[in-house]
Amino acid sequence: MAPLRGWAPCGQRLKAKVPFGHWNTSTFVAALRQDRVEAPWFIDGPINGERFRLYVEKVLCPTLKPGDIVILDNLGSHKGKAVRQAIRAVGARLLFLPKYSPDLNPI
């Protein structure tokens, strides 16, 4: 995202350039434990429900132990039925953060 505003000395016009071109999206997903980052996953492109399900099943679930708690925000791709089932199938609990609570989401 390019900034829409900037600063210049009083009485002078701001002269700045914004890069122009085609943008590529990269996504990094990881689990955060009390003492480490676990199950990192990097993909080219944006996240969606299918990709997040794949991450949970192939990357996250193998690192979970019975009794672990998985806390997710309210992104739509986090709430899929297959995602919930995969996490619960390994014996982990699933909790969702309250809406509009970025202060509770350290990632």
PDB file of N, CA and C in Angstrom:
ATOM      1  N   MET A   1       0.837  -1.176   0.000  1.00  0.00           N
ATOM      2  CA  MET A   1       0.000   0.000   0.000  1.00  0.00           C
ATOM      3  C   MET A   1       0.878   1.235   0.000  1.00  0.00           C
ATOM      4  N   ALA A   2       0.607   2.122  -0.863  1.00  0.00           N
ATOM      5  CA  ALA A   2       1.362   3.369  -0.934  1.00  0.00           C
ATOM      6  C   ALA A   2       0.739   4.386   0.016  1.00  0.00           C
ATOM      7  N   PRO A   3       1.572   5.158   0.724  1.00  0.00           N
ATOM      8  CA  PRO A   3       1.020   6.194   1.591  1.00  0.00           C
ATOM      9  C   PRO A   3       0.307   7.260   0.765  1.00  0.00           C
ATOM     10  N   LEU A   4      -0.780   7.762   1.289  1.00  0.00           N
ATOM     11  CA  LEU A   4      -1.550   8.783   0.586  1.00  0.00           C
ATOM     12  C   LEU A   4      -1.114  10.194   0.958  1.00  0.00           C
ATOM     13  N   ARG A   5      -0.396  10.333   2.066  1.00  0.00           N
ATOM     14  CA  ARG A   5       0.016  11.651   2.531  1.00  0.00           C
ATOM     15  C   ARG A   5       1.481  11.603   2.939  1.00  0.00           C
ATOM     16  N   GLY A   6       2.091  12.773   3.008  1.00  0.00           N
ATOM     17  CA  GLY A   6       3.482  12.872   3.433  1.00  0.00           C
ATOM     18  C   GLY A   6       3.748  14.251   4.009  1.00  0.00           C
ATOM     19  N   TRP A   7       4.995  14.508   4.397  1.00  0.00           N
ATOM     20  CA  TRP A   7       5.373  15.768   5.012  1.00  0.00           C
ATOM     21  C   TRP A   7       6.392  16.494   4.146  1.00  0.00           C
ATOM     22  N   ALA A   8       6.269  17.805   4.131  1.00  0.00           N
ATOM     23  CA  ALA A   8       7.230  18.669   3.439  1.00  0.00           C
ATOM     24  C   ALA A   8       7.424  19.910   4.309  1.00  0.00           C
ATOM     25  N   PRO A   9       8.543  20.608   4.145  1.00  0.00           N
ATOM     26  CA  PRO A   9       8.737  21.842   4.912  1.00  0.00           C
ATOM     27  C   PRO A   9       7.596  22.827   4.644  1.00  0.00           C
ATOM     28  N   CYS A  10       7.284  23.621   5.641  1.00  0.00           N
ATOM     29  CA  CYS A  10       6.194  24.581   5.547  1.00  0.00           C
ATOM     30  C   CYS A  10       6.364  25.466   4.313  1.00  0.00           C
ATOM     31  N   GLY A  11       5.316  25.584   3.538  1.00  0.00           N
ATOM     32  CA  GLY A  11       5.327  26.419   2.349  1.00  0.00           C
ATOM     33  C   GLY A  11       5.872  25.732   1.108  1.00  0.00           C
ATOM     34  N   GLN A  12       6.314  24.503   1.232  1.00  0.00           N
ATOM     35  CA  GLN A  12       6.832  23.782   0.070  1.00  0.00           C
ATOM     36  C   GLN A  12       5.917  22.604  -0.257  1.00  0.00           C
ATOM     37  N   ARG A  13       5.825  22.311  -1.519  1.00  0.00           N
ATOM     38  CA  ARG A  13       5.000  21.207  -1.984  1.00  0.00           C
ATOM     39  C   ARG A  13       5.780  19.896  -1.832  1.00  0.00           C
ATOM     40  N   LEU A  14       5.107  18.859  -1.409  1.00  0.00           N
ATOM     41  CA  LEU A  14       5.723  17.547  -1.282  1.00  0.00           C
ATOM     42  C   LEU A  14       5.952  16.956  -2.665  1.00  0.00           C
ATOM     43  N   LYS A  15       7.169  16.533  -2.922  1.00  0.00           N
ATOM     44  CA  LYS A  15       7.493  15.866  -4.178  1.00  0.00           C
ATOM     45  C   LYS A  15       7.935  14.452  -3.835  1.00  0.00           C
ATOM     46  N   ALA A  16       7.145  13.491  -4.231  1.00  0.00           N
ATOM     47  CA  ALA A  16       7.459  12.096  -3.936  1.00  0.00           C
ATOM     48  C   ALA A  16       6.965  11.224  -5.072  1.00  0.00           C
ATOM     49  N   LYS A  17       7.533  10.065  -5.168  1.00  0.00           N
ATOM     50  CA  LYS A  17       7.126   9.120  -6.197  1.00  0.00           C
ATOM     51  C   LYS A  17       6.596   7.863  -5.531  1.00  0.00           C
ATOM     52  N   VAL A  18       5.669   7.245  -6.207  1.00  0.00           N
ATOM     53  CA  VAL A  18       5.112   5.982  -5.754  1.00  0.00           C
ATOM     54  C   VAL A  18       5.398   4.955  -6.828  1.00  0.00           C
ATOM     55  N   PRO A  19       5.939   3.805  -6.454  1.00  0.00           N
ATOM     56  CA  PRO A  19       6.209   2.800  -7.483  1.00  0.00           C
ATOM     57  C   PRO A  19       4.919   2.364  -8.158  1.00  0.00           C
ATOM     58  N   PHE A  20       5.005   2.122  -9.439  1.00  0.00           N
ATOM     59  CA  PHE A  20       3.834   1.722 -10.208  1.00  0.00           C
ATOM     60  C   PHE A  20       4.141   0.410 -10.906  1.00  0.00           C
ATOM     61  N   GLY A  21       3.230  -0.474 -10.869  1.00  0.00           N
ATOM     62  CA  GLY A  21       3.442  -1.734 -11.567  1.00  0.00           C
ATOM     63  C   GLY A  21       2.477  -2.794 -11.076  1.00  0.00           C
ATOM     64  N   HIS A  22       2.754  -3.982 -11.477  1.00  0.00           N
ATOM     65  CA  HIS A  22       1.931  -5.119 -11.059  1.00  0.00           C
ATOM     66  C   HIS A  22       2.507  -5.678  -9.765  1.00  0.00           C
ATOM     67  N   TRP A  23       1.638  -5.914  -8.806  1.00  0.00           N
ATOM     68  CA  TRP A  23       2.072  -6.362  -7.492  1.00  0.00           C
ATOM     69  C   TRP A  23       1.869  -7.857  -7.361  1.00  0.00           C
ATOM     70  N   ASN A  24       2.756  -8.483  -6.634  1.00  0.00           N
ATOM     71  CA  ASN A  24       2.615  -9.892  -6.306  1.00  0.00           C
ATOM     72  C   ASN A  24       2.327 -10.002  -4.819  1.00  0.00           C
ATOM     73  N   THR A  25       1.414 -10.866  -4.472  1.00  0.00           N
ATOM     74  CA  THR A  25       1.067 -11.083  -3.077  1.00  0.00           C
ATOM     75  C   THR A  25       1.753 -12.347  -2.588  1.00  0.00           C
ATOM     76  N   SER A  26       2.352 -12.256  -1.425  1.00  0.00           N
ATOM     77  CA  SER A  26       2.931 -13.418  -0.753  1.00  0.00           C
ATOM     78  C   SER A  26       2.280 -13.524   0.615  1.00  0.00           C
ATOM     79  N   THR A  27       2.082 -14.744   1.089  1.00  0.00           N
ATOM     80  CA  THR A  27       1.435 -14.958   2.372  1.00  0.00           C
ATOM     81  C   THR A  27       2.319 -15.840   3.245  1.00  0.00           C
ATOM     82  N   PHE A  28       2.498 -15.435   4.497  1.00  0.00           N
ATOM     83  CA  PHE A  28       3.228 -16.230   5.478  1.00  0.00           C
ATOM     84  C   PHE A  28       2.261 -16.576   6.597  1.00  0.00           C
ATOM     85  N   VAL A  29       2.127 -17.864   6.895  1.00  0.00           N
ATOM     86  CA  VAL A  29       1.251 -18.346   7.955  1.00  0.00           C
ATOM     87  C   VAL A  29       2.117 -19.131   8.933  1.00  0.00           C
ATOM     88  N   ALA A  30       1.874 -18.971  10.224  1.00  0.00           N
ATOM     89  CA  ALA A  30       2.638 -19.719  11.224  1.00  0.00           C
ATOM     90  C   ALA A  30       1.825 -19.830  12.506  1.00  0.00           C
ATOM     91  N   ALA A  31       2.217 -20.774  13.343  1.00  0.00           N
ATOM     92  CA  ALA A  31       1.621 -20.937  14.662  1.00  0.00           C
ATOM     93  C   ALA A  31       2.578 -20.345  15.682  1.00  0.00           C
ATOM     94  N   LEU A  32       2.044 -19.675  16.664  1.00  0.00           N
ATOM     95  CA  LEU A  32       2.859 -19.042  17.698  1.00  0.00           C
ATOM     96  C   LEU A  32       2.605 -19.748  19.025  1.00  0.00           C
ATOM     97  N   ARG A  33       3.648 -20.366  19.548  1.00  0.00           N
ATOM     98  CA  ARG A  33       3.571 -20.969  20.879  1.00  0.00           C
ATOM     99  C   ARG A  33       4.178 -19.985  21.873  1.00  0.00           C
ATOM    100  N   GLN A  34       4.109 -20.303  23.155  1.00  0.00           N
ATOM    101  CA  GLN A  34       4.662 -19.396  24.164  1.00  0.00           C
ATOM    102  C   GLN A  34       6.157 -19.189  23.985  1.00  0.00           C
ATOM    103  N   ASP A  35       6.851 -20.205  23.494  1.00  0.00           N
ATOM    104  CA  ASP A  35       8.304 -20.126  23.429  1.00  0.00           C
ATOM    105  C   ASP A  35       8.892 -20.195  22.022  1.00  0.00           C
ATOM    106  N   ARG A  36       8.052 -20.290  20.990  1.00  0.00           N
ATOM    107  CA  ARG A  36       8.599 -20.414  19.636  1.00  0.00           C
ATOM    108  C   ARG A  36       7.515 -20.240  18.574  1.00  0.00           C
ATOM    109  N   VAL A  37       7.979 -20.021  17.369  1.00  0.00           N
ATOM    110  CA  VAL A  37       7.112 -20.028  16.196  1.00  0.00           C
ATOM    111  C   VAL A  37       7.181 -21.432  15.610  1.00  0.00           C
ATOM    112  N   GLU A  38       6.033 -21.967  15.243  1.00  0.00           N
ATOM    113  CA  GLU A  38       5.984 -23.341  14.756  1.00  0.00           C
ATOM    114  C   GLU A  38       5.111 -23.419  13.507  1.00  0.00           C
ATOM    115  N   ALA A  39       5.311 -24.435  12.723  1.00  0.00           N
ATOM    116  CA  ALA A  39       4.532 -24.718  11.516  1.00  0.00           C
ATOM    117  C   ALA A  39       4.511 -23.543  10.536  1.00  0.00           C
ATOM    118  N   PRO A  40       5.686 -22.998  10.186  1.00  0.00           N
ATOM    119  CA  PRO A  40       5.692 -21.896   9.216  1.00  0.00           C
ATOM    120  C   PRO A  40       5.344 -22.388   7.821  1.00  0.00           C
ATOM    121  N   TRP A  41       4.687 -21.534   7.049  1.00  0.00           N
ATOM    122  CA  TRP A  41       4.292 -21.894   5.684  1.00  0.00           C
ATOM    123  C   TRP A  41       4.235 -20.620   4.856  1.00  0.00           C
ATOM    124  N   PHE A  42       4.902 -20.634   3.733  1.00  0.00           N
ATOM    125  CA  PHE A  42       4.958 -19.486   2.831  1.00  0.00           C
ATOM    126  C   PHE A  42       4.341 -19.884   1.501  1.00  0.00           C
ATOM    127  N   ILE A  43       3.441 -19.042   0.979  1.00  0.00           N
ATOM    128  CA  ILE A  43       2.847 -19.316  -0.334  1.00  0.00           C
ATOM    129  C   ILE A  43       2.902 -18.054  -1.189  1.00  0.00           C
ATOM    130  N   ASP A  44       3.024 -18.272  -2.475  1.00  0.00           N
ATOM    131  CA  ASP A  44       2.896 -17.172  -3.425  1.00  0.00           C
ATOM    132  C   ASP A  44       1.415 -16.975  -3.687  1.00  0.00           C
ATOM    133  N   GLY A  45       0.919 -15.798  -3.398  1.00  0.00           N
ATOM    134  CA  GLY A  45      -0.484 -15.493  -3.626  1.00  0.00           C
ATOM    135  C   GLY A  45      -1.224 -15.291  -2.318  1.00  0.00           C
ATOM    136  N   PRO A  46      -2.475 -14.892  -2.411  1.00  0.00           N
ATOM    137  CA  PRO A  46      -3.279 -14.639  -1.214  1.00  0.00           C
ATOM    138  C   PRO A  46      -3.791 -15.939  -0.600  1.00  0.00           C
ATOM    139  N   ILE A  47      -4.173 -15.857   0.663  1.00  0.00           N
ATOM    140  CA  ILE A  47      -4.749 -17.010   1.352  1.00  0.00           C
ATOM    141  C   ILE A  47      -6.238 -17.069   1.037  1.00  0.00           C
ATOM    142  N   ASN A  48      -6.766 -18.270   0.975  1.00  0.00           N
ATOM    143  CA  ASN A  48      -8.209 -18.468   0.827  1.00  0.00           C
ATOM    144  C   ASN A  48      -8.587 -19.693   1.654  1.00  0.00           C
ATOM    145  N   GLY A  49      -9.841 -20.036   1.661  1.00  0.00           N
ATOM    146  CA  GLY A  49     -10.305 -21.145   2.485  1.00  0.00           C
ATOM    147  C   GLY A  49      -9.631 -22.462   2.154  1.00  0.00           C
ATOM    148  N   GLU A  50      -9.479 -22.756   0.885  1.00  0.00           N
ATOM    149  CA  GLU A  50      -8.873 -24.020   0.464  1.00  0.00           C
ATOM    150  C   GLU A  50      -7.394 -24.081   0.855  1.00  0.00           C
ATOM    151  N   ARG A  51      -6.677 -23.007   0.646  1.00  0.00           N
ATOM    152  CA  ARG A  51      -5.253 -22.985   1.017  1.00  0.00           C
ATOM    153  C   ARG A  51      -5.069 -23.059   2.528  1.00  0.00           C
ATOM    154  N   PHE A  52      -5.941 -22.388   3.273  1.00  0.00           N
ATOM    155  CA  PHE A  52      -5.817 -22.453   4.725  1.00  0.00           C
ATOM    156  C   PHE A  52      -6.138 -23.855   5.228  1.00  0.00           C
ATOM    157  N   ARG A  53      -7.134 -24.502   4.644  1.00  0.00           N
ATOM    158  CA  ARG A  53      -7.454 -25.888   5.012  1.00  0.00           C
ATOM    159  C   ARG A  53      -6.251 -26.791   4.763  1.00  0.00           C
ATOM    160  N   LEU A  54      -5.603 -26.610   3.620  1.00  0.00           N
ATOM    161  CA  LEU A  54      -4.413 -27.391   3.293  1.00  0.00           C
ATOM    162  C   LEU A  54      -3.305 -27.149   4.321  1.00  0.00           C
ATOM    163  N   TYR A  55      -3.102 -25.893   4.709  1.00  0.00           N
ATOM    164  CA  TYR A  55      -2.106 -25.570   5.736  1.00  0.00           C
ATOM    165  C   TYR A  55      -2.425 -26.285   7.045  1.00  0.00           C
ATOM    166  N   VAL A  56      -3.667 -26.217   7.473  1.00  0.00           N
ATOM    167  CA  VAL A  56      -4.052 -26.836   8.739  1.00  0.00           C
ATOM    168  C   VAL A  56      -3.825 -28.344   8.687  1.00  0.00           C
ATOM    169  N   GLU A  57      -4.276 -28.987   7.622  1.00  0.00           N
ATOM    170  CA  GLU A  57      -4.179 -30.446   7.534  1.00  0.00           C
ATOM    171  C   GLU A  57      -2.747 -30.940   7.359  1.00  0.00           C
ATOM    172  N   LYS A  58      -1.959 -30.277   6.529  1.00  0.00           N
ATOM    173  CA  LYS A  58      -0.625 -30.780   6.170  1.00  0.00           C
ATOM    174  C   LYS A  58       0.513 -30.211   7.013  1.00  0.00           C
ATOM    175  N   VAL A  59       0.351 -29.002   7.539  1.00  0.00           N
ATOM    176  CA  VAL A  59       1.461 -28.348   8.244  1.00  0.00           C
ATOM    177  C   VAL A  59       1.169 -28.190   9.738  1.00  0.00           C
ATOM    178  N   LEU A  60       0.007 -27.644  10.087  1.00  0.00           N
ATOM    179  CA  LEU A  60      -0.289 -27.351  11.489  1.00  0.00           C
ATOM    180  C   LEU A  60      -0.632 -28.600  12.299  1.00  0.00           C
ATOM    181  N   CYS A  61      -1.572 -29.402  11.834  1.00  0.00           N
ATOM    182  CA  CYS A  61      -2.044 -30.549  12.619  1.00  0.00           C
ATOM    183  C   CYS A  61      -0.939 -31.527  13.011  1.00  0.00           C
ATOM    184  N   PRO A  62       0.038 -31.810  12.149  1.00  0.00           N
ATOM    185  CA  PRO A  62       1.109 -32.719  12.587  1.00  0.00           C
ATOM    186  C   PRO A  62       1.922 -32.189  13.776  1.00  0.00           C
ATOM    187  N   THR A  63       1.862 -30.898  14.056  1.00  0.00           N
ATOM    188  CA  THR A  63       2.615 -30.328  15.182  1.00  0.00           C
ATOM    189  C   THR A  63       1.775 -30.235  16.452  1.00  0.00           C
ATOM    190  N   LEU A  64       0.467 -30.471  16.340  1.00  0.00           N
ATOM    191  CA  LEU A  64      -0.418 -30.333  17.492  1.00  0.00           C
ATOM    192  C   LEU A  64      -0.439 -31.605  18.325  1.00  0.00           C
ATOM    193  N   LYS A  65      -0.633 -31.408  19.643  1.00  0.00           N
ATOM    194  CA  LYS A  65      -0.764 -32.525  20.572  1.00  0.00           C
ATOM    195  C   LYS A  65      -2.148 -32.431  21.219  1.00  0.00           C
ATOM    196  N   PRO A  66      -2.686 -33.554  21.691  1.00  0.00           N
ATOM    197  CA  PRO A  66      -3.963 -33.482  22.404  1.00  0.00           C
ATOM    198  C   PRO A  66      -3.869 -32.489  23.563  1.00  0.00           C
ATOM    199  N   GLY A  67      -4.864 -31.650  23.677  1.00  0.00           N
ATOM    200  CA  GLY A  67      -4.889 -30.639  24.730  1.00  0.00           C
ATOM    201  C   GLY A  67      -4.372 -29.279  24.302  1.00  0.00           C
ATOM    202  N   ASP A  68      -3.702 -29.195  23.147  1.00  0.00           N
ATOM    203  CA  ASP A  68      -3.267 -27.892  22.642  1.00  0.00           C
ATOM    204  C   ASP A  68      -4.487 -27.028  22.340  1.00  0.00           C
ATOM    205  N   ILE A  69      -4.311 -25.731  22.415  1.00  0.00           N
ATOM    206  CA  ILE A  69      -5.378 -24.785  22.096  1.00  0.00           C
ATOM    207  C   ILE A  69      -4.955 -23.983  20.880  1.00  0.00           C
ATOM    208  N   VAL A  70      -5.796 -23.987  19.860  1.00  0.00           N
ATOM    209  CA  VAL A  70      -5.551 -23.213  18.644  1.00  0.00           C
ATOM    210  C   VAL A  70      -6.474 -22.005  18.689  1.00  0.00           C
ATOM    211  N   ILE A  71      -5.896 -20.810  18.660  1.00  0.00           N
ATOM    212  CA  ILE A  71      -6.673 -19.571  18.704  1.00  0.00           C
ATOM    213  C   ILE A  71      -6.567 -18.901  17.345  1.00  0.00           C
ATOM    214  N   LEU A  72      -7.708 -18.632  16.737  1.00  0.00           N
ATOM    215  CA  LEU A  72      -7.763 -18.011  15.416  1.00  0.00           C
ATOM    216  C   LEU A  72      -8.574 -16.727  15.481  1.00  0.00           C
ATOM    217  N   ASP A  73      -8.284 -15.808  14.555  1.00  0.00           N
ATOM    218  CA  ASP A  73      -9.142 -14.636  14.444  1.00  0.00           C
ATOM    219  C   ASP A  73     -10.357 -15.012  13.596  1.00  0.00           C
ATOM    220  N   ASN A  74     -11.163 -14.053  13.255  1.00  0.00           N
ATOM    221  CA  ASN A  74     -12.441 -14.334  12.604  1.00  0.00           C
ATOM    222  C   ASN A  74     -12.408 -14.226  11.088  1.00  0.00           C
ATOM    223  N   LEU A  75     -11.244 -14.408  10.492  1.00  0.00           N
ATOM    224  CA  LEU A  75     -11.165 -14.420   9.037  1.00  0.00           C
ATOM    225  C   LEU A  75     -12.023 -15.566   8.508  1.00  0.00           C
ATOM    226  N   GLY A  76     -12.757 -15.323   7.449  1.00  0.00           N
ATOM    227  CA  GLY A  76     -13.669 -16.327   6.915  1.00  0.00           C
ATOM    228  C   GLY A  76     -13.007 -17.654   6.613  1.00  0.00           C
ATOM    229  N   SER A  77     -11.783 -17.628   6.091  1.00  0.00           N
ATOM    230  CA  SER A  77     -11.109 -18.882   5.747  1.00  0.00           C
ATOM    231  C   SER A  77     -10.740 -19.698   6.981  1.00  0.00           C
ATOM    232  N   HIS A  78     -10.725 -19.095   8.159  1.00  0.00           N
ATOM    233  CA  HIS A  78     -10.407 -19.822   9.386  1.00  0.00           C
ATOM    234  C   HIS A  78     -11.598 -20.598   9.925  1.00  0.00           C
ATOM    235  N   LYS A  79     -12.786 -20.292   9.448  1.00  0.00           N
ATOM    236  CA  LYS A  79     -13.992 -20.855  10.044  1.00  0.00           C
ATOM    237  C   LYS A  79     -14.585 -22.025   9.271  1.00  0.00           C
ATOM    238  N   GLY A  80     -13.886 -22.526   8.267  1.00  0.00           N
ATOM    239  CA  GLY A  80     -14.412 -23.629   7.472  1.00  0.00           C
ATOM    240  C   GLY A  80     -14.625 -24.885   8.304  1.00  0.00           C
ATOM    241  N   LYS A  81     -15.622 -25.662   7.936  1.00  0.00           N
ATOM    242  CA  LYS A  81     -15.952 -26.883   8.665  1.00  0.00           C
ATOM    243  C   LYS A  81     -14.781 -27.862   8.656  1.00  0.00           C
ATOM    244  N   ALA A  82     -14.112 -28.010   7.516  1.00  0.00           N
ATOM    245  CA  ALA A  82     -12.981 -28.939   7.415  1.00  0.00           C
ATOM    246  C   ALA A  82     -11.827 -28.502   8.311  1.00  0.00           C
ATOM    247  N   VAL A  83     -11.616 -27.206   8.447  1.00  0.00           N
ATOM    248  CA  VAL A  83     -10.562 -26.683   9.327  1.00  0.00           C
ATOM    249  C   VAL A  83     -10.880 -27.036  10.774  1.00  0.00           C
ATOM    250  N   ARG A  84     -12.101 -26.782  11.194  1.00  0.00           N
ATOM    251  CA  ARG A  84     -12.502 -27.090  12.571  1.00  0.00           C
ATOM    252  C   ARG A  84     -12.384 -28.583  12.856  1.00  0.00           C
ATOM    253  N   GLN A  85     -12.823 -29.410  11.911  1.00  0.00           N
ATOM    254  CA  GLN A  85     -12.763 -30.859  12.105  1.00  0.00           C
ATOM    255  C   GLN A  85     -11.326 -31.358  12.191  1.00  0.00           C
ATOM    256  N   ALA A  86     -10.443 -30.843  11.352  1.00  0.00           N
ATOM    257  CA  ALA A  86      -9.049 -31.290  11.351  1.00  0.00           C
ATOM    258  C   ALA A  86      -8.368 -30.967  12.675  1.00  0.00           C
ATOM    259  N   ILE A  87      -8.621 -29.784  13.205  1.00  0.00           N
ATOM    260  CA  ILE A  87      -7.999 -29.385  14.474  1.00  0.00           C
ATOM    261  C   ILE A  87      -8.549 -30.221  15.621  1.00  0.00           C
ATOM    262  N   ARG A  88      -9.840 -30.422  15.648  1.00  0.00           N
ATOM    263  CA  ARG A  88     -10.448 -31.209  16.729  1.00  0.00           C
ATOM    264  C   ARG A  88     -10.094 -32.687  16.629  1.00  0.00           C
ATOM    265  N   ALA A  89      -9.839 -33.185  15.423  1.00  0.00           N
ATOM    266  CA  ALA A  89      -9.507 -34.601  15.228  1.00  0.00           C
ATOM    267  C   ALA A  89      -8.191 -34.987  15.896  1.00  0.00           C
ATOM    268  N   VAL A  90      -7.281 -34.044  16.069  1.00  0.00           N
ATOM    269  CA  VAL A  90      -6.008 -34.353  16.736  1.00  0.00           C
ATOM    270  C   VAL A  90      -6.083 -34.119  18.243  1.00  0.00           C
ATOM    271  N   GLY A  91      -7.257 -33.756  18.745  1.00  0.00           N
ATOM    272  CA  GLY A  91      -7.443 -33.566  20.178  1.00  0.00           C
ATOM    273  C   GLY A  91      -7.162 -32.165  20.670  1.00  0.00           C
ATOM    274  N   ALA A  92      -7.025 -31.218  19.764  1.00  0.00           N
ATOM    275  CA  ALA A  92      -6.776 -29.826  20.152  1.00  0.00           C
ATOM    276  C   ALA A  92      -8.105 -29.086  20.282  1.00  0.00           C
ATOM    277  N   ARG A  93      -8.111 -28.054  21.105  1.00  0.00           N
ATOM    278  CA  ARG A  93      -9.291 -27.202  21.248  1.00  0.00           C
ATOM    279  C   ARG A  93      -9.166 -26.028  20.299  1.00  0.00           C
ATOM    280  N   LEU A  94     -10.281 -25.513  19.872  1.00  0.00           N
ATOM    281  CA  LEU A  94     -10.319 -24.400  18.931  1.00  0.00           C
ATOM    282  C   LEU A  94     -11.088 -23.243  19.554  1.00  0.00           C
ATOM    283  N   LEU A  95     -10.452 -22.079  19.610  1.00  0.00           N
ATOM    284  CA  LEU A  95     -11.086 -20.868  20.120  1.00  0.00           C
ATOM    285  C   LEU A  95     -10.935 -19.761  19.089  1.00  0.00           C
ATOM    286  N   PHE A  96     -11.942 -18.897  19.014  1.00  0.00           N
ATOM    287  CA  PHE A  96     -11.887 -17.748  18.113  1.00  0.00           C
ATOM    288  C   PHE A  96     -11.803 -16.468  18.936  1.00  0.00           C
ATOM    289  N   LEU A  97     -10.979 -15.540  18.479  1.00  0.00           N
ATOM    290  CA  LEU A  97     -10.866 -14.243  19.141  1.00  0.00           C
ATOM    291  C   LEU A  97     -12.172 -13.467  18.982  1.00  0.00           C
ATOM    292  N   PRO A  98     -12.457 -12.544  19.898  1.00  0.00           N
ATOM    293  CA  PRO A  98     -13.613 -11.673  19.701  1.00  0.00           C
ATOM    294  C   PRO A  98     -13.406 -10.816  18.450  1.00  0.00           C
ATOM    295  N   LYS A  99     -14.496 -10.400  17.857  1.00  0.00           N
ATOM    296  CA  LYS A  99     -14.400  -9.536  16.677  1.00  0.00           C
ATOM    297  C   LYS A  99     -13.718  -8.221  17.039  1.00  0.00           C
ATOM    298  N   TYR A 100     -12.981  -7.686  16.084  1.00  0.00           N
ATOM    299  CA  TYR A 100     -12.309  -6.389  16.224  1.00  0.00           C
ATOM    300  C   TYR A 100     -11.400  -6.330  17.454  1.00  0.00           C
ATOM    301  N   SER A 101     -10.504  -7.310  17.573  1.00  0.00           N
ATOM    302  CA  SER A 101      -9.595  -7.329  18.722  1.00  0.00           C
ATOM    303  C   SER A 101      -8.146  -7.538  18.275  1.00  0.00           C
ATOM    304  N   PRO A 102      -7.590  -6.597  17.503  1.00  0.00           N
ATOM    305  CA  PRO A 102      -6.207  -6.770  17.044  1.00  0.00           C
ATOM    306  C   PRO A 102      -5.194  -6.781  18.186  1.00  0.00           C
ATOM    307  N   ASP A 103      -5.550  -6.209  19.329  1.00  0.00           N
ATOM    308  CA  ASP A 103      -4.640  -6.205  20.470  1.00  0.00           C
ATOM    309  C   ASP A 103      -4.447  -7.603  21.057  1.00  0.00           C
ATOM    310  N   LEU A 104      -5.343  -8.533  20.754  1.00  0.00           N
ATOM    311  CA  LEU A 104      -5.214  -9.905  21.240  1.00  0.00           C
ATOM    312  C   LEU A 104      -4.529 -10.818  20.230  1.00  0.00           C
ATOM    313  N   ASN A 105      -4.194 -10.295  19.066  1.00  0.00           N
ATOM    314  CA  ASN A 105      -3.614 -11.092  17.989  1.00  0.00           C
ATOM    315  C   ASN A 105      -2.168 -10.655  17.753  1.00  0.00           C
ATOM    316  N   PRO A 106      -1.192 -11.373  18.336  1.00  0.00           N
ATOM    317  CA  PRO A 106       0.200 -10.924  18.242  1.00  0.00           C
ATOM    318  C   PRO A 106       0.863 -11.168  16.897  1.00  0.00           C
ATOM    319  N   ILE A 107       0.247 -11.919  16.030  1.00  0.00           N
ATOM    320  CA  ILE A 107       0.874 -12.194  14.720  1.00  0.00           C
ATOM    321  C   ILE A 107       0.398 -11.167  13.712  1.00  0.00           C
TER     322      ILE A 107
END
